Amino acid sequence: MPLSSQETLDGMVAARFHERRYVDLRPTLTPELIAEHEHQPFGQHSDALRRVLTYLGSFAIPGKLIVEYGGDERWYVSRFATAPAGLRTERVAGPYPTEGEAVHAVFLRRLRQVFGVVA
């Protein structure tokens, strides 16, 4: 099948890449791996968790979930959104009392969004 453009080729390569990552990573998403992230959202992680986090971080920025500090020791899950004046964020969850809890909330949302995992 001839390809009509570089964009078509890029899309096919990206689809195959994501399909293979899904197949490789989905079996590693165990309750133990999720608990590991909950107990230590920062720092050293097991190889399996590091691979999952690296993959989740590889997606393009539009709509990406981030952790945002709201002052008064409150943390929020926010989403990048484009606006006429440029990039902005909109809060989608929180507040959380610690940055680690907000980071774990982002992790859980991404697992649900990318892998369909409900923890």
N, C-alpha and C. Protein backbone atom coordinates (compact mmCIF):
# COMPACT_ATOMS: atom_id res chain seq x y z
N MET A 1 0.85 -1.18 0.00
CA MET A 1 0.00 0.00 0.00
C MET A 1 0.89 1.23 0.00
N PRO A 2 0.81 2.05 -1.03
CA PRO A 2 1.63 3.26 -1.07
C PRO A 2 1.14 4.30 -0.05
N LEU A 3 2.10 5.01 0.51
CA LEU A 3 1.76 6.05 1.49
C LEU A 3 1.59 7.37 0.76
N SER A 4 0.57 8.13 1.15
CA SER A 4 0.27 9.37 0.46
C SER A 4 1.09 10.55 0.96
N SER A 5 1.62 10.45 2.18
CA SER A 5 2.38 11.60 2.71
C SER A 5 3.24 11.16 3.89
N GLN A 6 4.14 12.04 4.26
CA GLN A 6 4.97 11.81 5.45
C GLN A 6 4.09 11.76 6.69
N GLU A 7 3.05 12.56 6.71
CA GLU A 7 2.12 12.58 7.84
C GLU A 7 1.44 11.22 8.02
N THR A 8 1.07 10.59 6.93
CA THR A 8 0.46 9.26 6.98
C THR A 8 1.44 8.25 7.54
N LEU A 9 2.69 8.30 7.07
CA LEU A 9 3.73 7.40 7.58
C LEU A 9 3.96 7.64 9.06
N ASP A 10 4.07 8.90 9.47
CA ASP A 10 4.26 9.23 10.88
C ASP A 10 3.12 8.68 11.74
N GLY A 11 1.91 8.80 11.25
CA GLY A 11 0.75 8.29 11.99
C GLY A 11 0.79 6.78 12.13
N MET A 12 1.19 6.09 11.07
CA MET A 12 1.28 4.63 11.12
C MET A 12 2.37 4.19 12.09
N VAL A 13 3.51 4.86 12.06
CA VAL A 13 4.61 4.52 12.96
C VAL A 13 4.20 4.79 14.41
N ALA A 14 3.57 5.93 14.66
CA ALA A 14 3.13 6.27 16.02
C ALA A 14 2.10 5.26 16.52
N ALA A 15 1.17 4.88 15.68
CA ALA A 15 0.14 3.91 16.09
C ALA A 15 0.79 2.57 16.46
N ARG A 16 1.74 2.14 15.67
CA ARG A 16 2.42 0.86 15.96
C ARG A 16 3.23 0.96 17.25
N PHE A 17 3.92 2.08 17.44
CA PHE A 17 4.69 2.30 18.66
C PHE A 17 3.79 2.21 19.89
N HIS A 18 2.68 2.95 19.87
CA HIS A 18 1.77 2.96 21.02
C HIS A 18 1.12 1.59 21.25
N GLU A 19 0.82 0.89 20.18
CA GLU A 19 0.26 -0.45 20.31
C GLU A 19 1.26 -1.38 21.01
N ARG A 20 2.51 -1.32 20.61
CA ARG A 20 3.53 -2.18 21.22
C ARG A 20 3.79 -1.79 22.68
N ARG A 21 3.81 -0.48 22.97
CA ARG A 21 4.01 -0.06 24.37
C ARG A 21 2.86 -0.53 25.22
N TYR A 22 1.64 -0.45 24.71
CA TYR A 22 0.46 -0.89 25.46
C TYR A 22 0.59 -2.38 25.78
N VAL A 23 0.90 -3.18 24.79
CA VAL A 23 1.03 -4.62 24.98
C VAL A 23 2.14 -4.95 25.97
N ASP A 24 3.26 -4.24 25.91
CA ASP A 24 4.38 -4.49 26.81
C ASP A 24 4.11 -4.02 28.23
N LEU A 25 3.49 -2.87 28.38
CA LEU A 25 3.36 -2.25 29.70
C LEU A 25 2.09 -2.64 30.45
N ARG A 26 1.02 -2.94 29.76
CA ARG A 26 -0.27 -3.20 30.42
C ARG A 26 -0.17 -4.30 31.48
N PRO A 27 0.54 -5.41 31.23
CA PRO A 27 0.62 -6.46 32.26
C PRO A 27 1.40 -6.03 33.51
N THR A 28 2.20 -4.99 33.42
CA THR A 28 2.98 -4.55 34.58
C THR A 28 2.17 -3.67 35.53
N LEU A 29 0.98 -3.26 35.12
CA LEU A 29 0.17 -2.34 35.92
C LEU A 29 -0.61 -3.09 37.00
N THR A 30 0.11 -3.53 37.98
CA THR A 30 -0.45 -4.32 39.08
C THR A 30 -0.78 -3.42 40.26
N PRO A 31 -1.58 -3.91 41.20
CA PRO A 31 -1.82 -3.14 42.42
C PRO A 31 -0.52 -2.81 43.16
N GLU A 32 0.46 -3.69 43.08
CA GLU A 32 1.74 -3.43 43.74
C GLU A 32 2.49 -2.27 43.09
N LEU A 33 2.45 -2.21 41.76
CA LEU A 33 3.11 -1.10 41.06
C LEU A 33 2.43 0.22 41.39
N ILE A 34 1.10 0.22 41.43
CA ILE A 34 0.35 1.44 41.76
C ILE A 34 0.64 1.86 43.20
N ALA A 35 0.71 0.88 44.11
CA ALA A 35 1.04 1.19 45.51
C ALA A 35 2.46 1.74 45.63
N GLU A 36 3.38 1.20 44.83
CA GLU A 36 4.75 1.73 44.84
C GLU A 36 4.75 3.22 44.50
N HIS A 37 3.99 3.59 43.48
CA HIS A 37 3.93 5.00 43.10
C HIS A 37 3.27 5.83 44.19
N GLU A 38 2.23 5.31 44.79
CA GLU A 38 1.53 6.05 45.85
C GLU A 38 2.46 6.33 47.03
N HIS A 39 3.26 5.34 47.40
CA HIS A 39 4.15 5.48 48.56
C HIS A 39 5.41 6.28 48.24
N GLN A 40 5.81 6.29 46.97
CA GLN A 40 7.03 7.02 46.59
C GLN A 40 6.84 7.62 45.19
N PRO A 41 6.08 8.72 45.10
CA PRO A 41 5.84 9.31 43.78
C PRO A 41 7.08 10.00 43.19
N PHE A 42 8.08 10.28 44.03
CA PHE A 42 9.31 10.92 43.58
C PHE A 42 10.49 9.98 43.84
N GLY A 43 11.57 10.18 43.14
CA GLY A 43 12.80 9.47 43.45
C GLY A 43 12.97 8.17 42.70
N GLN A 44 13.70 7.25 43.33
CA GLN A 44 14.01 5.97 42.71
C GLN A 44 12.75 5.13 42.59
N HIS A 45 12.59 4.53 41.41
CA HIS A 45 11.46 3.63 41.16
C HIS A 45 11.98 2.32 40.62
N SER A 46 11.15 1.31 40.72
CA SER A 46 11.48 0.02 40.11
C SER A 46 11.57 0.22 38.60
N ASP A 47 12.18 -0.76 37.93
CA ASP A 47 12.30 -0.68 36.48
C ASP A 47 10.93 -0.61 35.82
N ALA A 48 9.98 -1.42 36.30
CA ALA A 48 8.65 -1.43 35.69
C ALA A 48 7.96 -0.08 35.83
N LEU A 49 8.02 0.52 37.02
CA LEU A 49 7.38 1.82 37.22
C LEU A 49 8.09 2.90 36.41
N ARG A 50 9.39 2.85 36.33
CA ARG A 50 10.14 3.83 35.54
C ARG A 50 9.72 3.75 34.06
N ARG A 51 9.54 2.55 33.55
CA ARG A 51 9.12 2.38 32.15
C ARG A 51 7.72 2.97 31.92
N VAL A 52 6.82 2.71 32.85
CA VAL A 52 5.45 3.25 32.73
C VAL A 52 5.48 4.78 32.78
N LEU A 53 6.22 5.33 33.74
CA LEU A 53 6.29 6.79 33.86
C LEU A 53 6.93 7.44 32.63
N THR A 54 7.96 6.81 32.10
CA THR A 54 8.61 7.33 30.89
C THR A 54 7.63 7.34 29.73
N TYR A 55 6.88 6.27 29.58
CA TYR A 55 5.90 6.20 28.50
C TYR A 55 4.81 7.25 28.68
N LEU A 56 4.26 7.36 29.89
CA LEU A 56 3.21 8.35 30.13
C LEU A 56 3.70 9.77 29.89
N GLY A 57 4.98 10.02 30.12
CA GLY A 57 5.54 11.34 29.90
C GLY A 57 5.86 11.65 28.45
N SER A 58 5.71 10.66 27.57
CA SER A 58 6.09 10.84 26.17
C SER A 58 5.01 11.47 25.30
N PHE A 59 3.83 11.66 25.84
CA PHE A 59 2.74 12.20 25.03
C PHE A 59 2.91 13.70 24.82
N ALA A 60 2.33 14.19 23.74
CA ALA A 60 2.41 15.61 23.39
C ALA A 60 1.78 16.47 24.49
N ILE A 61 2.16 17.72 24.55
CA ILE A 61 1.74 18.64 25.60
C ILE A 61 0.25 18.99 25.60
N PRO A 62 -0.42 19.28 24.48
CA PRO A 62 -1.83 19.72 24.57
C PRO A 62 -2.69 18.74 25.37
N GLY A 63 -3.34 19.25 26.38
CA GLY A 63 -4.20 18.43 27.22
C GLY A 63 -3.48 17.64 28.28
N LYS A 64 -2.16 17.83 28.39
CA LYS A 64 -1.38 17.08 29.36
C LYS A 64 -1.75 17.49 30.78
N LEU A 65 -1.82 16.51 31.67
CA LEU A 65 -2.11 16.78 33.07
C LEU A 65 -0.82 17.14 33.80
N ILE A 66 -0.91 18.13 34.67
CA ILE A 66 0.24 18.57 35.46
C ILE A 66 -0.21 18.81 36.90
N VAL A 67 0.77 18.99 37.78
CA VAL A 67 0.49 19.36 39.16
C VAL A 67 0.80 20.85 39.29
N GLU A 68 -0.12 21.57 39.92
CA GLU A 68 0.01 23.02 40.05
C GLU A 68 -0.12 23.41 41.52
N TYR A 69 0.79 24.25 41.98
CA TYR A 69 0.74 24.72 43.36
C TYR A 69 -0.23 25.90 43.43
N GLY A 70 -1.20 25.83 44.36
CA GLY A 70 -2.21 26.87 44.45
C GLY A 70 -2.02 27.81 45.63
N GLY A 71 -0.91 27.67 46.38
CA GLY A 71 -0.71 28.48 47.56
C GLY A 71 -1.36 27.84 48.77
N ASP A 72 -0.99 28.33 49.95
CA ASP A 72 -1.57 27.82 51.19
C ASP A 72 -1.47 26.30 51.31
N GLU A 73 -0.34 25.74 50.86
CA GLU A 73 -0.10 24.29 50.94
C GLU A 73 -1.20 23.48 50.26
N ARG A 74 -1.66 23.94 49.11
CA ARG A 74 -2.66 23.21 48.34
C ARG A 74 -2.10 22.94 46.96
N TRP A 75 -2.37 21.74 46.49
CA TRP A 75 -1.90 21.30 45.18
C TRP A 75 -3.10 20.87 44.36
N TYR A 76 -3.03 21.09 43.05
CA TYR A 76 -4.14 20.79 42.15
C TYR A 76 -3.64 19.99 40.95
N VAL A 77 -4.54 19.19 40.39
CA VAL A 77 -4.31 18.57 39.10
C VAL A 77 -4.89 19.53 38.08
N SER A 78 -4.07 19.93 37.12
CA SER A 78 -4.51 20.87 36.08
C SER A 78 -4.20 20.29 34.71
N ARG A 79 -4.88 20.83 33.72
CA ARG A 79 -4.70 20.39 32.33
C ARG A 79 -4.25 21.59 31.51
N PHE A 80 -3.26 21.36 30.66
CA PHE A 80 -2.87 22.41 29.72
C PHE A 80 -4.01 22.62 28.73
N ALA A 81 -4.31 23.87 28.45
CA ALA A 81 -5.34 24.21 27.48
C ALA A 81 -4.83 25.38 26.65
N THR A 82 -5.18 25.38 25.39
CA THR A 82 -4.78 26.50 24.54
C THR A 82 -5.87 27.57 24.60
N ALA A 83 -5.43 28.78 24.54
CA ALA A 83 -6.33 29.93 24.56
C ALA A 83 -5.85 30.91 23.50
N PRO A 84 -6.68 31.87 23.12
CA PRO A 84 -6.26 32.83 22.11
C PRO A 84 -4.95 33.53 22.49
N ALA A 85 -4.73 33.75 23.77
CA ALA A 85 -3.52 34.45 24.21
C ALA A 85 -2.35 33.50 24.45
N GLY A 86 -2.53 32.19 24.22
CA GLY A 86 -1.45 31.24 24.42
C GLY A 86 -1.86 30.09 25.30
N LEU A 87 -0.87 29.47 25.91
CA LEU A 87 -1.10 28.30 26.74
C LEU A 87 -1.52 28.72 28.15
N ARG A 88 -2.49 28.01 28.71
CA ARG A 88 -2.92 28.26 30.08
C ARG A 88 -3.27 26.91 30.70
N THR A 89 -3.60 26.92 31.99
CA THR A 89 -4.03 25.69 32.64
C THR A 89 -5.42 25.87 33.21
N GLU A 90 -6.10 24.74 33.34
CA GLU A 90 -7.40 24.74 34.01
C GLU A 90 -7.39 23.61 35.03
N ARG A 91 -7.82 23.91 36.22
CA ARG A 91 -7.83 22.91 37.30
C ARG A 91 -8.93 21.89 37.06
N VAL A 92 -8.57 20.62 37.25
CA VAL A 92 -9.54 19.55 37.04
C VAL A 92 -9.77 18.71 38.30
N ALA A 93 -8.89 18.86 39.33
CA ALA A 93 -9.07 18.11 40.58
C ALA A 93 -8.27 18.76 41.69
N GLY A 94 -8.69 18.52 42.90
CA GLY A 94 -7.98 19.04 44.05
C GLY A 94 -8.89 19.93 44.86
N PRO A 95 -8.39 20.47 45.92
CA PRO A 95 -6.98 20.52 46.30
C PRO A 95 -6.53 19.26 47.03
N TYR A 96 -5.21 19.03 46.96
CA TYR A 96 -4.55 17.95 47.68
C TYR A 96 -3.61 18.57 48.69
N PRO A 97 -3.45 17.95 49.86
CA PRO A 97 -2.62 18.54 50.91
C PRO A 97 -1.12 18.45 50.65
N THR A 98 -0.70 17.52 49.77
CA THR A 98 0.73 17.41 49.47
C THR A 98 0.94 17.30 47.97
N GLU A 99 2.12 17.67 47.54
CA GLU A 99 2.47 17.55 46.13
C GLU A 99 2.45 16.08 45.71
N GLY A 100 2.95 15.21 46.58
CA GLY A 100 2.97 13.78 46.26
C GLY A 100 1.59 13.21 46.00
N GLU A 101 0.60 13.62 46.77
CA GLU A 101 -0.76 13.14 46.55
C GLU A 101 -1.31 13.64 45.21
N ALA A 102 -0.98 14.87 44.86
CA ALA A 102 -1.42 15.40 43.56
C ALA A 102 -0.72 14.67 42.41
N VAL A 103 0.56 14.39 42.58
CA VAL A 103 1.31 13.65 41.54
C VAL A 103 0.70 12.25 41.38
N HIS A 104 0.36 11.61 42.47
CA HIS A 104 -0.25 10.28 42.38
C HIS A 104 -1.63 10.37 41.72
N ALA A 105 -2.38 11.41 41.99
CA ALA A 105 -3.68 11.59 41.33
C ALA A 105 -3.52 11.73 39.82
N VAL A 106 -2.48 12.46 39.39
CA VAL A 106 -2.20 12.57 37.95
C VAL A 106 -1.86 11.18 37.40
N PHE A 107 -1.03 10.44 38.10
CA PHE A 107 -0.65 9.10 37.67
C PHE A 107 -1.88 8.22 37.48
N LEU A 108 -2.80 8.23 38.44
CA LEU A 108 -4.01 7.42 38.34
C LEU A 108 -4.88 7.84 37.16
N ARG A 109 -5.00 9.13 36.95
CA ARG A 109 -5.80 9.62 35.82
C ARG A 109 -5.18 9.20 34.49
N ARG A 110 -3.85 9.26 34.40
CA ARG A 110 -3.17 8.87 33.17
C ARG A 110 -3.30 7.36 32.93
N LEU A 111 -3.22 6.56 33.99
CA LEU A 111 -3.41 5.12 33.82
C LEU A 111 -4.80 4.82 33.28
N ARG A 112 -5.79 5.54 33.79
CA ARG A 112 -7.17 5.36 33.32
C ARG A 112 -7.29 5.79 31.86
N GLN A 113 -6.71 6.94 31.55
CA GLN A 113 -6.83 7.52 30.21
C GLN A 113 -6.09 6.69 29.15
N VAL A 114 -4.89 6.27 29.45
CA VAL A 114 -4.05 5.59 28.46
C VAL A 114 -4.28 4.09 28.43
N PHE A 115 -4.41 3.47 29.61
CA PHE A 115 -4.48 2.02 29.68
C PHE A 115 -5.85 1.49 30.10
N GLY A 116 -6.76 2.36 30.49
CA GLY A 116 -8.07 1.90 30.95
C GLY A 116 -8.04 1.26 32.33
N VAL A 117 -6.99 1.53 33.09
CA VAL A 117 -6.84 0.95 34.42
C VAL A 117 -7.59 1.82 35.43
N VAL A 118 -8.45 1.20 36.20
CA VAL A 118 -9.15 1.90 37.27
C VAL A 118 -8.62 1.34 38.58
N ALA A 119 -7.91 2.20 39.31
CA ALA A 119 -7.30 1.75 40.58
C ALA A 119 -8.13 2.17 41.76
